[in-house]
Amino acid sequence: MQRLELPMTMDSQEGLDKLAEIVRTARESRGLSLRKFADLVDVSHGTIDRIEKALSDVSDDVLEAISEVVPYTYVELKAISQGRKPEDVRAYVTAEDVFEIAASISKEEQIRLMHMLLDHQ
């Protein structure tokens, strides 16, 4: 899967606090220790400990690994860590994802969009 790269911005303390809450909730809901959760995510237990304490920025690789075990995508976790709302960066990956947007534009723009999609094939 190709990873969507987000603009380079630093993690915010508010974002790190929210990420800590997400990770802690995911770990505790499974009844796992730091070490067992770290094994599940395939990172060191020290990394999970630092994340849960919101002590340092989190690398993209670690965010990607965490996204496999929490109800957020990598892109959403990256946004959260930067103090942004995950819905502001939601990745549109299926036709159903973009249908609502396409339905909201004028008929002329819908036809133009269909032609662009067909020409792209």
PDB file of N, CA and C in Angstrom:
ATOM      1  N   MET A   1       0.841  -1.168   0.000  1.00  0.00           N
ATOM      2  CA  MET A   1       0.000   0.000   0.000  1.00  0.00           C
ATOM      3  C   MET A   1       0.892   1.239   0.000  1.00  0.00           C
ATOM      4  N   GLN A   2       0.566   2.198  -0.853  1.00  0.00           N
ATOM      5  CA  GLN A   2       1.339   3.421  -0.920  1.00  0.00           C
ATOM      6  C   GLN A   2       0.920   4.358   0.212  1.00  0.00           C
ATOM      7  N   ARG A   3       1.904   4.890   0.905  1.00  0.00           N
ATOM      8  CA  ARG A   3       1.629   5.773   2.032  1.00  0.00           C
ATOM      9  C   ARG A   3       1.497   7.201   1.536  1.00  0.00           C
ATOM     10  N   LEU A   4       0.403   7.865   1.919  1.00  0.00           N
ATOM     11  CA  LEU A   4       0.200   9.269   1.601  1.00  0.00           C
ATOM     12  C   LEU A   4       1.088  10.097   2.507  1.00  0.00           C
ATOM     13  N   GLU A   5       1.939  10.904   1.921  1.00  0.00           N
ATOM     14  CA  GLU A   5       2.822  11.747   2.723  1.00  0.00           C
ATOM     15  C   GLU A   5       2.111  13.047   3.043  1.00  0.00           C
ATOM     16  N   LEU A   6       2.150  13.432   4.302  1.00  0.00           N
ATOM     17  CA  LEU A   6       1.539  14.670   4.750  1.00  0.00           C
ATOM     18  C   LEU A   6       2.604  15.749   4.841  1.00  0.00           C
ATOM     19  N   PRO A   7       2.193  17.011   4.795  1.00  0.00           N
ATOM     20  CA  PRO A   7       3.187  18.084   4.924  1.00  0.00           C
ATOM     21  C   PRO A   7       3.984  17.929   6.208  1.00  0.00           C
ATOM     22  N   MET A   8       5.248  18.262   6.141  1.00  0.00           N
ATOM     23  CA  MET A   8       6.120  18.160   7.306  1.00  0.00           C
ATOM     24  C   MET A   8       5.736  19.223   8.325  1.00  0.00           C
ATOM     25  N   THR A   9       5.177  18.806   9.419  1.00  0.00           N
ATOM     26  CA  THR A   9       4.931  19.695  10.535  1.00  0.00           C
ATOM     27  C   THR A   9       5.282  18.917  11.786  1.00  0.00           C
ATOM     28  N   MET A  10       5.597  19.633  12.804  1.00  0.00           N
ATOM     29  CA  MET A  10       5.995  18.990  14.050  1.00  0.00           C
ATOM     30  C   MET A  10       4.772  18.493  14.802  1.00  0.00           C
ATOM     31  N   ASP A  11       4.986  17.446  15.566  1.00  0.00           N
ATOM     32  CA  ASP A  11       3.927  16.968  16.434  1.00  0.00           C
ATOM     33  C   ASP A  11       3.672  18.022  17.504  1.00  0.00           C
ATOM     34  N   SER A  12       2.422  18.172  17.889  1.00  0.00           N
ATOM     35  CA  SER A  12       2.080  19.121  18.950  1.00  0.00           C
ATOM     36  C   SER A  12       1.879  18.351  20.253  1.00  0.00           C
ATOM     37  N   GLN A  13       2.019  19.033  21.371  1.00  0.00           N
ATOM     38  CA  GLN A  13       1.808  18.357  22.650  1.00  0.00           C
ATOM     39  C   GLN A  13       0.360  17.884  22.761  1.00  0.00           C
ATOM     40  N   GLU A  14      -0.570  18.697  22.288  1.00  0.00           N
ATOM     41  CA  GLU A  14      -1.981  18.297  22.298  1.00  0.00           C
ATOM     42  C   GLU A  14      -2.181  17.027  21.463  1.00  0.00           C
ATOM     43  N   GLY A  15      -1.521  16.978  20.306  1.00  0.00           N
ATOM     44  CA  GLY A  15      -1.611  15.807  19.447  1.00  0.00           C
ATOM     45  C   GLY A  15      -0.995  14.576  20.075  1.00  0.00           C
ATOM     46  N   LEU A  16       0.154  14.753  20.693  1.00  0.00           N
ATOM     47  CA  LEU A  16       0.811  13.633  21.357  1.00  0.00           C
ATOM     48  C   LEU A  16      -0.027  13.117  22.526  1.00  0.00           C
ATOM     49  N   ASP A  17      -0.689  14.025  23.237  1.00  0.00           N
ATOM     50  CA  ASP A  17      -1.573  13.612  24.334  1.00  0.00           C
ATOM     51  C   ASP A  17      -2.735  12.777  23.804  1.00  0.00           C
ATOM     52  N   LYS A  18      -3.314  13.185  22.681  1.00  0.00           N
ATOM     53  CA  LYS A  18      -4.423  12.441  22.078  1.00  0.00           C
ATOM     54  C   LYS A  18      -3.936  11.083  21.571  1.00  0.00           C
ATOM     55  N   LEU A  19      -2.772  11.060  20.951  1.00  0.00           N
ATOM     56  CA  LEU A  19      -2.193   9.801  20.474  1.00  0.00           C
ATOM     57  C   LEU A  19      -1.935   8.863  21.646  1.00  0.00           C
ATOM     58  N   ALA A  20      -1.438   9.404  22.751  1.00  0.00           N
ATOM     59  CA  ALA A  20      -1.193   8.604  23.959  1.00  0.00           C
ATOM     60  C   ALA A  20      -2.496   7.958  24.428  1.00  0.00           C
ATOM     61  N   GLU A  21      -3.566   8.716  24.408  1.00  0.00           N
ATOM     62  CA  GLU A  21      -4.873   8.201  24.827  1.00  0.00           C
ATOM     63  C   GLU A  21      -5.347   7.084  23.900  1.00  0.00           C
ATOM     64  N   ILE A  22      -5.157   7.266  22.605  1.00  0.00           N
ATOM     65  CA  ILE A  22      -5.566   6.253  21.621  1.00  0.00           C
ATOM     66  C   ILE A  22      -4.797   4.955  21.854  1.00  0.00           C
ATOM     67  N   VAL A  23      -3.491   5.056  22.013  1.00  0.00           N
ATOM     68  CA  VAL A  23      -2.655   3.861  22.190  1.00  0.00           C
ATOM     69  C   VAL A  23      -2.974   3.178  23.516  1.00  0.00           C
ATOM     70  N   ARG A  24      -3.074   3.944  24.580  1.00  0.00           N
ATOM     71  CA  ARG A  24      -3.376   3.368  25.896  1.00  0.00           C
ATOM     72  C   ARG A  24      -4.736   2.649  25.872  1.00  0.00           C
ATOM     73  N   THR A  25      -5.732   3.287  25.259  1.00  0.00           N
ATOM     74  CA  THR A  25      -7.061   2.675  25.169  1.00  0.00           C
ATOM     75  C   THR A  25      -7.008   1.374  24.366  1.00  0.00           C
ATOM     76  N   ALA A  26      -6.278   1.378  23.260  1.00  0.00           N
ATOM     77  CA  ALA A  26      -6.154   0.166  22.434  1.00  0.00           C
ATOM     78  C   ALA A  26      -5.476  -0.952  23.214  1.00  0.00           C
ATOM     79  N   ARG A  27      -4.432  -0.607  23.950  1.00  0.00           N
ATOM     80  CA  ARG A  27      -3.700  -1.609  24.734  1.00  0.00           C
ATOM     81  C   ARG A  27      -4.562  -2.148  25.872  1.00  0.00           C
ATOM     82  N   GLU A  28      -5.158  -1.243  26.642  1.00  0.00           N
ATOM     83  CA  GLU A  28      -5.948  -1.664  27.804  1.00  0.00           C
ATOM     84  C   GLU A  28      -7.208  -2.424  27.409  1.00  0.00           C
ATOM     85  N   SER A  29      -7.809  -2.056  26.289  1.00  0.00           N
ATOM     86  CA  SER A  29      -9.021  -2.766  25.849  1.00  0.00           C
ATOM     87  C   SER A  29      -8.727  -4.216  25.481  1.00  0.00           C
ATOM     88  N   ARG A  30      -7.481  -4.505  25.142  1.00  0.00           N
ATOM     89  CA  ARG A  30      -7.062  -5.875  24.844  1.00  0.00           C
ATOM     90  C   ARG A  30      -6.504  -6.574  26.084  1.00  0.00           C
ATOM     91  N   GLY A  31      -6.376  -5.832  27.180  1.00  0.00           N
ATOM     92  CA  GLY A  31      -5.831  -6.396  28.407  1.00  0.00           C
ATOM     93  C   GLY A  31      -4.358  -6.751  28.291  1.00  0.00           C
ATOM     94  N   LEU A  32      -3.610  -5.966  27.520  1.00  0.00           N
ATOM     95  CA  LEU A  32      -2.202  -6.273  27.264  1.00  0.00           C
ATOM     96  C   LEU A  32      -1.270  -5.380  28.073  1.00  0.00           C
ATOM     97  N   SER A  33      -0.148  -5.946  28.463  1.00  0.00           N
ATOM     98  CA  SER A  33       0.926  -5.172  29.090  1.00  0.00           C
ATOM     99  C   SER A  33       1.593  -4.327  28.007  1.00  0.00           C
ATOM    100  N   LEU A  34       2.439  -3.402  28.443  1.00  0.00           N
ATOM    101  CA  LEU A  34       3.211  -2.615  27.477  1.00  0.00           C
ATOM    102  C   LEU A  34       4.025  -3.529  26.563  1.00  0.00           C
ATOM    103  N   ARG A  35       4.678  -4.527  27.160  1.00  0.00           N
ATOM    104  CA  ARG A  35       5.518  -5.432  26.369  1.00  0.00           C
ATOM    105  C   ARG A  35       4.713  -6.238  25.360  1.00  0.00           C
ATOM    106  N   LYS A  36       3.577  -6.766  25.783  1.00  0.00           N
ATOM    107  CA  LYS A  36       2.753  -7.572  24.869  1.00  0.00           C
ATOM    108  C   LYS A  36       2.192  -6.698  23.744  1.00  0.00           C
ATOM    109  N   PHE A  37       1.763  -5.483  24.098  1.00  0.00           N
ATOM    110  CA  PHE A  37       1.245  -4.583  23.066  1.00  0.00           C
ATOM    111  C   PHE A  37       2.362  -4.192  22.103  1.00  0.00           C
ATOM    112  N   ALA A  38       3.547  -3.918  22.641  1.00  0.00           N
ATOM    113  CA  ALA A  38       4.695  -3.580  21.798  1.00  0.00           C
ATOM    114  C   ALA A  38       5.020  -4.721  20.840  1.00  0.00           C
ATOM    115  N   ASP A  39       4.936  -5.958  21.334  1.00  0.00           N
ATOM    116  CA  ASP A  39       5.155  -7.120  20.463  1.00  0.00           C
ATOM    117  C   ASP A  39       4.116  -7.171  19.347  1.00  0.00           C
ATOM    118  N   LEU A  40       2.868  -6.878  19.704  1.00  0.00           N
ATOM    119  CA  LEU A  40       1.783  -6.872  18.717  1.00  0.00           C
ATOM    120  C   LEU A  40       2.051  -5.848  17.627  1.00  0.00           C
ATOM    121  N   VAL A  41       2.529  -4.679  18.019  1.00  0.00           N
ATOM    122  CA  VAL A  41       2.793  -3.590  17.078  1.00  0.00           C
ATOM    123  C   VAL A  41       4.165  -3.741  16.419  1.00  0.00           C
ATOM    124  N   ASP A  42       5.018  -4.573  17.006  1.00  0.00           N
ATOM    125  CA  ASP A  42       6.364  -4.828  16.504  1.00  0.00           C
ATOM    126  C   ASP A  42       7.289  -3.620  16.677  1.00  0.00           C
ATOM    127  N   VAL A  43       7.198  -3.016  17.875  1.00  0.00           N
ATOM    128  CA  VAL A  43       8.122  -1.948  18.275  1.00  0.00           C
ATOM    129  C   VAL A  43       8.590  -2.267  19.693  1.00  0.00           C
ATOM    130  N   SER A  44       9.547  -1.509  20.189  1.00  0.00           N
ATOM    131  CA  SER A  44      10.030  -1.765  21.545  1.00  0.00           C
ATOM    132  C   SER A  44       9.000  -1.309  22.577  1.00  0.00           C
ATOM    133  N   HIS A  45       9.048  -1.951  23.757  1.00  0.00           N
ATOM    134  CA  HIS A  45       8.111  -1.542  24.809  1.00  0.00           C
ATOM    135  C   HIS A  45       8.430  -0.127  25.282  1.00  0.00           C
ATOM    136  N   GLY A  46       9.697   0.277  25.179  1.00  0.00           N
ATOM    137  CA  GLY A  46      10.080   1.641  25.526  1.00  0.00           C
ATOM    138  C   GLY A  46       9.416   2.667  24.619  1.00  0.00           C
ATOM    139  N   THR A  47       9.269   2.310  23.346  1.00  0.00           N
ATOM    140  CA  THR A  47       8.590   3.201  22.403  1.00  0.00           C
ATOM    141  C   THR A  47       7.130   3.388  22.807  1.00  0.00           C
ATOM    142  N   ILE A  48       6.453   2.288  23.132  1.00  0.00           N
ATOM    143  CA  ILE A  48       5.049   2.372  23.551  1.00  0.00           C
ATOM    144  C   ILE A  48       4.947   3.163  24.850  1.00  0.00           C
ATOM    145  N   ASP A  49       5.866   2.947  25.760  1.00  0.00           N
ATOM    146  CA  ASP A  49       5.861   3.687  27.024  1.00  0.00           C
ATOM    147  C   ASP A  49       5.988   5.190  26.765  1.00  0.00           C
ATOM    148  N   ARG A  50       6.923   5.579  25.893  1.00  0.00           N
ATOM    149  CA  ARG A  50       7.103   7.009  25.582  1.00  0.00           C
ATOM    150  C   ARG A  50       5.869   7.588  24.895  1.00  0.00           C
ATOM    151  N   ILE A  51       5.241   6.801  24.025  1.00  0.00           N
ATOM    152  CA  ILE A  51       4.024   7.274  23.349  1.00  0.00           C
ATOM    153  C   ILE A  51       2.914   7.487  24.375  1.00  0.00           C
ATOM    154  N   GLU A  52       2.719   6.506  25.252  1.00  0.00           N
ATOM    155  CA  GLU A  52       1.653   6.615  26.249  1.00  0.00           C
ATOM    156  C   GLU A  52       1.899   7.752  27.235  1.00  0.00           C
ATOM    157  N   LYS A  53       3.148   8.147  27.409  1.00  0.00           N
ATOM    158  CA  LYS A  53       3.473   9.274  28.289  1.00  0.00           C
ATOM    159  C   LYS A  53       3.573  10.588  27.509  1.00  0.00           C
ATOM    160  N   ALA A  54       3.352  10.517  26.190  1.00  0.00           N
ATOM    161  CA  ALA A  54       3.400  11.690  25.303  1.00  0.00           C
ATOM    162  C   ALA A  54       4.722  12.445  25.445  1.00  0.00           C
ATOM    163  N   LEU A  55       5.818  11.680  25.476  1.00  0.00           N
ATOM    164  CA  LEU A  55       7.126  12.276  25.740  1.00  0.00           C
ATOM    165  C   LEU A  55       7.902  12.702  24.499  1.00  0.00           C
ATOM    166  N   SER A  56       7.586  12.111  23.342  1.00  0.00           N
ATOM    167  CA  SER A  56       8.378  12.457  22.164  1.00  0.00           C
ATOM    168  C   SER A  56       7.575  12.275  20.895  1.00  0.00           C
ATOM    169  N   ASP A  57       8.066  12.894  19.820  1.00  0.00           N
ATOM    170  CA  ASP A  57       7.446  12.726  18.514  1.00  0.00           C
ATOM    171  C   ASP A  57       7.476  11.247  18.131  1.00  0.00           C
ATOM    172  N   VAL A  58       6.560  10.864  17.273  1.00  0.00           N
ATOM    173  CA  VAL A  58       6.443   9.467  16.863  1.00  0.00           C
ATOM    174  C   VAL A  58       6.791   9.364  15.388  1.00  0.00           C
ATOM    175  N   SER A  59       7.657   8.425  15.051  1.00  0.00           N
ATOM    176  CA  SER A  59       8.087   8.275  13.653  1.00  0.00           C
ATOM    177  C   SER A  59       6.937   7.762  12.793  1.00  0.00           C
ATOM    178  N   ASP A  60       7.061   8.006  11.505  1.00  0.00           N
ATOM    179  CA  ASP A  60       6.048   7.541  10.563  1.00  0.00           C
ATOM    180  C   ASP A  60       5.922   6.023  10.573  1.00  0.00           C
ATOM    181  N   ASP A  61       7.059   5.327  10.695  1.00  0.00           N
ATOM    182  CA  ASP A  61       7.022   3.864  10.715  1.00  0.00           C
ATOM    183  C   ASP A  61       6.234   3.343  11.920  1.00  0.00           C
ATOM    184  N   VAL A  62       6.430   3.983  13.063  1.00  0.00           N
ATOM    185  CA  VAL A  62       5.706   3.564  14.269  1.00  0.00           C
ATOM    186  C   VAL A  62       4.222   3.894  14.126  1.00  0.00           C
ATOM    187  N   LEU A  63       3.896   5.063  13.580  1.00  0.00           N
ATOM    188  CA  LEU A  63       2.483   5.408  13.360  1.00  0.00           C
ATOM    189  C   LEU A  63       1.826   4.401  12.421  1.00  0.00           C
ATOM    190  N   GLU A  64       2.555   4.009  11.400  1.00  0.00           N
ATOM    191  CA  GLU A  64       2.017   3.033  10.452  1.00  0.00           C
ATOM    192  C   GLU A  64       1.757   1.693  11.146  1.00  0.00           C
ATOM    193  N   ALA A  65       2.672   1.274  12.000  1.00  0.00           N
ATOM    194  CA  ALA A  65       2.498   0.013  12.733  1.00  0.00           C
ATOM    195  C   ALA A  65       1.312   0.115  13.696  1.00  0.00           C
ATOM    196  N   ILE A  66       1.197   1.234  14.384  1.00  0.00           N
ATOM    197  CA  ILE A  66       0.083   1.418  15.326  1.00  0.00           C
ATOM    198  C   ILE A  66      -1.253   1.428  14.593  1.00  0.00           C
ATOM    199  N   SER A  67      -1.266   1.967  13.394  1.00  0.00           N
ATOM    200  CA  SER A  67      -2.526   2.049  12.630  1.00  0.00           C
ATOM    201  C   SER A  67      -3.116   0.677  12.333  1.00  0.00           C
ATOM    202  N   GLU A  68      -2.287  -0.355  12.429  1.00  0.00           N
ATOM    203  CA  GLU A  68      -2.779  -1.720  12.187  1.00  0.00           C
ATOM    204  C   GLU A  68      -3.610  -2.256  13.355  1.00  0.00           C
ATOM    205  N   VAL A  69      -3.517  -1.609  14.528  1.00  0.00           N
ATOM    206  CA  VAL A  69      -4.196  -2.152  15.711  1.00  0.00           C
ATOM    207  C   VAL A  69      -5.128  -1.152  16.393  1.00  0.00           C
ATOM    208  N   VAL A  70      -5.305   0.019  15.806  1.00  0.00           N
ATOM    209  CA  VAL A  70      -6.234   1.017  16.348  1.00  0.00           C
ATOM    210  C   VAL A  70      -7.225   1.387  15.247  1.00  0.00           C
ATOM    211  N   PRO A  71      -8.344   1.998  15.610  1.00  0.00           N
ATOM    212  CA  PRO A  71      -9.353   2.320  14.586  1.00  0.00           C
ATOM    213  C   PRO A  71      -9.067   3.613  13.816  1.00  0.00           C
ATOM    214  N   TYR A  72      -7.805   3.864  13.523  1.00  0.00           N
ATOM    215  CA  TYR A  72      -7.402   5.033  12.747  1.00  0.00           C
ATOM    216  C   TYR A  72      -6.386   4.600  11.702  1.00  0.00           C
ATOM    217  N   THR A  73      -6.398   5.270  10.556  1.00  0.00           N
ATOM    218  CA  THR A  73      -5.402   5.013   9.526  1.00  0.00           C
ATOM    219  C   THR A  73      -4.111   5.735   9.876  1.00  0.00           C
ATOM    220  N   TYR A  74      -3.053   5.393   9.168  1.00  0.00           N
ATOM    221  CA  TYR A  74      -1.783   6.093   9.346  1.00  0.00           C
ATOM    222  C   TYR A  74      -1.976   7.598   9.147  1.00  0.00           C
ATOM    223  N   VAL A  75      -2.683   7.977   8.084  1.00  0.00           N
ATOM    224  CA  VAL A  75      -2.891   9.390   7.762  1.00  0.00           C
ATOM    225  C   VAL A  75      -3.622  10.096   8.899  1.00  0.00           C
ATOM    226  N   GLU A  76      -4.627   9.436   9.447  1.00  0.00           N
ATOM    227  CA  GLU A  76      -5.372  10.028  10.551  1.00  0.00           C
ATOM    228  C   GLU A  76      -4.500  10.151  11.806  1.00  0.00           C
ATOM    229  N   LEU A  77      -3.700   9.136  12.099  1.00  0.00           N
ATOM    230  CA  LEU A  77      -2.807   9.203  13.263  1.00  0.00           C
ATOM    231  C   LEU A  77      -1.766  10.314  13.099  1.00  0.00           C
ATOM    232  N   LYS A  78      -1.263  10.476  11.890  1.00  0.00           N
ATOM    233  CA  LYS A  78      -0.295  11.543  11.629  1.00  0.00           C
ATOM    234  C   LYS A  78      -0.938  12.900  11.903  1.00  0.00           C
ATOM    235  N   ALA A  79      -2.151  13.082  11.420  1.00  0.00           N
ATOM    236  CA  ALA A  79      -2.867  14.341  11.656  1.00  0.00           C
ATOM    237  C   ALA A  79      -3.099  14.559  13.148  1.00  0.00           C
ATOM    238  N   ILE A  80      -3.520  13.513  13.836  1.00  0.00           N
ATOM    239  CA  ILE A  80      -3.763  13.611  15.281  1.00  0.00           C
ATOM    240  C   ILE A  80      -2.489  14.020  15.996  1.00  0.00           C
ATOM    241  N   SER A  81      -1.368  13.389  15.671  1.00  0.00           N
ATOM    242  CA  SER A  81      -0.103  13.697  16.348  1.00  0.00           C
ATOM    243  C   SER A  81       0.316  15.144  16.111  1.00  0.00           C
ATOM    244  N   GLN A  82      -0.133  15.719  15.015  1.00  0.00           N
ATOM    245  CA  GLN A  82       0.198  17.110  14.697  1.00  0.00           C
ATOM    246  C   GLN A  82      -0.837  18.084  15.259  1.00  0.00           C
ATOM    247  N   GLY A  83      -1.820  17.550  15.985  1.00  0.00           N
ATOM    248  CA  GLY A  83      -2.833  18.405  16.589  1.00  0.00           C
ATOM    249  C   GLY A  83      -3.954  18.788  15.652  1.00  0.00           C
ATOM    250  N   ARG A  84      -4.087  18.045  14.553  1.00  0.00           N
ATOM    251  CA  ARG A  84      -5.158  18.314  13.596  1.00  0.00           C
ATOM    252  C   ARG A  84      -6.252  17.270  13.744  1.00  0.00           C
ATOM    253  N   LYS A  85      -7.390  17.549  13.154  1.00  0.00           N
ATOM    254  CA  LYS A  85      -8.506  16.608  13.196  1.00  0.00           C
ATOM    255  C   LYS A  85      -8.298  15.552  12.118  1.00  0.00           C
ATOM    256  N   PRO A  86      -8.527  14.287  12.454  1.00  0.00           N
ATOM    257  CA  PRO A  86      -8.301  13.236  11.448  1.00  0.00           C
ATOM    258  C   PRO A  86      -9.197  13.382  10.231  1.00  0.00           C
ATOM    259  N   GLU A  87     -10.394  13.905  10.414  1.00  0.00           N
ATOM    260  CA  GLU A  87     -11.297  14.047   9.267  1.00  0.00           C
ATOM    261  C   GLU A  87     -10.806  15.098   8.276  1.00  0.00           C
ATOM    262  N   ASP A  88      -9.903  15.983   8.695  1.00  0.00           N
ATOM    263  CA  ASP A  88      -9.368  16.996   7.790  1.00  0.00           C
ATOM    264  C   ASP A  88      -8.416  16.403   6.754  1.00  0.00           C
ATOM    265  N   VAL A  89      -7.918  15.201   6.993  1.00  0.00           N
ATOM    266  CA  VAL A  89      -6.955  14.585   6.081  1.00  0.00           C
ATOM    267  C   VAL A  89      -7.407  13.212   5.597  1.00  0.00           C
ATOM    268  N   ARG A  90      -8.677  12.927   5.745  1.00  0.00           N
ATOM    269  CA  ARG A  90      -9.162  11.592   5.391  1.00  0.00           C
ATOM    270  C   ARG A  90      -8.799  11.266   3.952  1.00  0.00           C
ATOM    271  N   ALA A  91      -8.275  10.103   3.760  1.00  0.00           N
ATOM    272  CA  ALA A  91      -7.921   9.645   2.417  1.00  0.00           C
ATOM    273  C   ALA A  91      -9.156   9.057   1.739  1.00  0.00           C
ATOM    274  N   TYR A  92      -9.385   9.474   0.528  1.00  0.00           N
ATOM    275  CA  TYR A  92     -10.501   8.944  -0.245  1.00  0.00           C
ATOM    276  C   TYR A  92      -9.941   7.850  -1.148  1.00  0.00           C
ATOM    277  N   VAL A  93     -10.366   6.620  -0.899  1.00  0.00           N
ATOM    278  CA  VAL A  93      -9.753   5.512  -1.623  1.00  0.00           C
ATOM    279  C   VAL A  93     -10.746   4.661  -2.412  1.00  0.00           C
ATOM    280  N   THR A  94     -12.034   4.857  -2.214  1.00  0.00           N
ATOM    281  CA  THR A  94     -13.023   4.080  -2.966  1.00  0.00           C
ATOM    282  C   THR A  94     -13.999   5.009  -3.659  1.00  0.00           C
ATOM    283  N   ALA A  95     -14.709   4.472  -4.628  1.00  0.00           N
ATOM    284  CA  ALA A  95     -15.722   5.258  -5.330  1.00  0.00           C
ATOM    285  C   ALA A  95     -16.791   5.753  -4.363  1.00  0.00           C
ATOM    286  N   GLU A  96     -17.121   4.920  -3.382  1.00  0.00           N
ATOM    287  CA  GLU A  96     -18.122   5.329  -2.394  1.00  0.00           C
ATOM    288  C   GLU A  96     -17.640   6.527  -1.571  1.00  0.00           C
ATOM    289  N   ASP A  97     -16.337   6.593  -1.338  1.00  0.00           N
ATOM    290  CA  ASP A  97     -15.780   7.712  -0.583  1.00  0.00           C
ATOM    291  C   ASP A  97     -16.005   9.044  -1.291  1.00  0.00           C
ATOM    292  N   VAL A  98     -15.881   9.040  -2.612  1.00  0.00           N
ATOM    293  CA  VAL A  98     -15.987  10.299  -3.352  1.00  0.00           C
ATOM    294  C   VAL A  98     -17.374  10.555  -3.915  1.00  0.00           C
ATOM    295  N   PHE A  99     -18.263   9.580  -3.831  1.00  0.00           N
ATOM    296  CA  PHE A  99     -19.591   9.745  -4.424  1.00  0.00           C
ATOM    297  C   PHE A  99     -20.341  10.937  -3.849  1.00  0.00           C
ATOM    298  N   GLU A 100     -20.316  11.091  -2.534  1.00  0.00           N
ATOM    299  CA  GLU A 100     -21.044  12.195  -1.899  1.00  0.00           C
ATOM    300  C   GLU A 100     -20.540  13.543  -2.403  1.00  0.00           C
ATOM    301  N   ILE A 101     -19.225  13.650  -2.566  1.00  0.00           N
ATOM    302  CA  ILE A 101     -18.648  14.889  -3.083  1.00  0.00           C
ATOM    303  C   ILE A 101     -19.083  15.097  -4.531  1.00  0.00           C
ATOM    304  N   ALA A 102     -18.975  14.043  -5.342  1.00  0.00           N
ATOM    305  CA  ALA A 102     -19.354  14.155  -6.749  1.00  0.00           C
ATOM    306  C   ALA A 102     -20.837  14.495  -6.903  1.00  0.00           C
ATOM    307  N   ALA A 103     -21.672  13.961  -6.017  1.00  0.00           N
ATOM    308  CA  ALA A 103     -23.109  14.236  -6.100  1.00  0.00           C
ATOM    309  C   ALA A 103     -23.425  15.686  -5.757  1.00  0.00           C
ATOM    310  N   SER A 104     -22.522  16.363  -5.076  1.00  0.00           N
ATOM    311  CA  SER A 104     -22.788  17.742  -4.649  1.00  0.00           C
ATOM    312  C   SER A 104     -22.397  18.782  -5.696  1.00  0.00           C
ATOM    313  N   ILE A 105     -21.697  18.373  -6.755  1.00  0.00           N
ATOM    314  CA  ILE A 105     -21.296  19.343  -7.777  1.00  0.00           C
ATOM    315  C   ILE A 105     -22.334  19.393  -8.889  1.00  0.00           C
ATOM    316  N   SER A 106     -22.255  20.414  -9.701  1.00  0.00           N
ATOM    317  CA  SER A 106     -23.247  20.603 -10.776  1.00  0.00           C
ATOM    318  C   SER A 106     -23.200  19.444 -11.771  1.00  0.00           C
ATOM    319  N   LYS A 107     -24.288  19.270 -12.510  1.00  0.00           N
ATOM    320  CA  LYS A 107     -24.363  18.203 -13.523  1.00  0.00           C
ATOM    321  C   LYS A 107     -23.250  18.365 -14.553  1.00  0.00           C
ATOM    322  N   GLU A 108     -22.973  19.602 -14.936  1.00  0.00           N
ATOM    323  CA  GLU A 108     -21.915  19.847 -15.917  1.00  0.00           C
ATOM    324  C   GLU A 108     -20.560  19.369 -15.382  1.00  0.00           C
ATOM    325  N   GLU A 109     -20.286  19.650 -14.115  1.00  0.00           N
ATOM    326  CA  GLU A 109     -19.029  19.206 -13.519  1.00  0.00           C
ATOM    327  C   GLU A 109     -19.003  17.687 -13.347  1.00  0.00           C
ATOM    328  N   GLN A 110     -20.152  17.076 -13.070  1.00  0.00           N
ATOM    329  CA  GLN A 110     -20.212  15.615 -12.966  1.00  0.00           C
ATOM    330  C   GLN A 110     -19.861  14.982 -14.307  1.00  0.00           C
ATOM    331  N   ILE A 111     -20.417  15.528 -15.383  1.00  0.00           N
ATOM    332  CA  ILE A 111     -20.135  15.006 -16.727  1.00  0.00           C
ATOM    333  C   ILE A 111     -18.656  15.205 -17.052  1.00  0.00           C
ATOM    334  N   ARG A 112     -18.128  16.367 -16.724  1.00  0.00           N
ATOM    335  CA  ARG A 112     -16.708  16.637 -16.950  1.00  0.00           C
ATOM    336  C   ARG A 112     -15.837  15.660 -16.160  1.00  0.00           C
ATOM    337  N   LEU A 113     -16.221  15.379 -14.922  1.00  0.00           N
ATOM    338  CA  LEU A 113     -15.492  14.422 -14.096  1.00  0.00           C
ATOM    339  C   LEU A 113     -15.520  13.030 -14.727  1.00  0.00           C
ATOM    340  N   MET A 114     -16.698  12.610 -15.206  1.00  0.00           N
ATOM    341  CA  MET A 114     -16.796  11.283 -15.845  1.00  0.00           C
ATOM    342  C   MET A 114     -15.882  11.201 -17.059  1.00  0.00           C
ATOM    343  N   HIS A 115     -15.843  12.250 -17.861  1.00  0.00           N
ATOM    344  CA  HIS A 115     -14.964  12.253 -19.032  1.00  0.00           C
ATOM    345  C   HIS A 115     -13.493  12.188 -18.613  1.00  0.00           C
ATOM    346  N   MET A 116     -13.158  12.922 -17.572  1.00  0.00           N
ATOM    347  CA  MET A 116     -11.768  12.884 -17.095  1.00  0.00           C
ATOM    348  C   MET A 116     -11.399  11.483 -16.618  1.00  0.00           C
ATOM    349  N   LEU A 117     -12.306  10.826 -15.901  1.00  0.00           N
ATOM    350  CA  LEU A 117     -12.039   9.471 -15.419  1.00  0.00           C
ATOM    351  C   LEU A 117     -11.901   8.492 -16.573  1.00  0.00           C
ATOM    352  N   LEU A 118     -12.791   8.588 -17.562  1.00  0.00           N
ATOM    353  CA  LEU A 118     -12.726   7.704 -18.708  1.00  0.00           C
ATOM    354  C   LEU A 118     -11.461   7.923 -19.522  1.00  0.00           C
ATOM    355  N   ASP A 119     -11.062   9.190 -19.678  1.00  0.00           N
ATOM    356  CA  ASP A 119      -9.852   9.495 -20.437  1.00  0.00           C
ATOM    357  C   ASP A 119      -8.604   9.019 -19.711  1.00  0.00           C
ATOM    358  N   HIS A 120      -8.682   8.952 -18.392  1.00  0.00           N
ATOM    359  CA  HIS A 120      -7.541   8.524 -17.573  1.00  0.00           C
ATOM    360  C   HIS A 120      -7.288   7.026 -17.692  1.00  0.00           C
ATOM    361  N   GLN A 121      -8.321   6.261 -18.039  1.00  0.00           N
ATOM    362  CA  GLN A 121      -8.192   4.802 -18.148  1.00  0.00           C
ATOM    363  C   GLN A 121      -7.249   4.500 -19.241  1.00  0.00           C
TER     364      GLN A 121
END
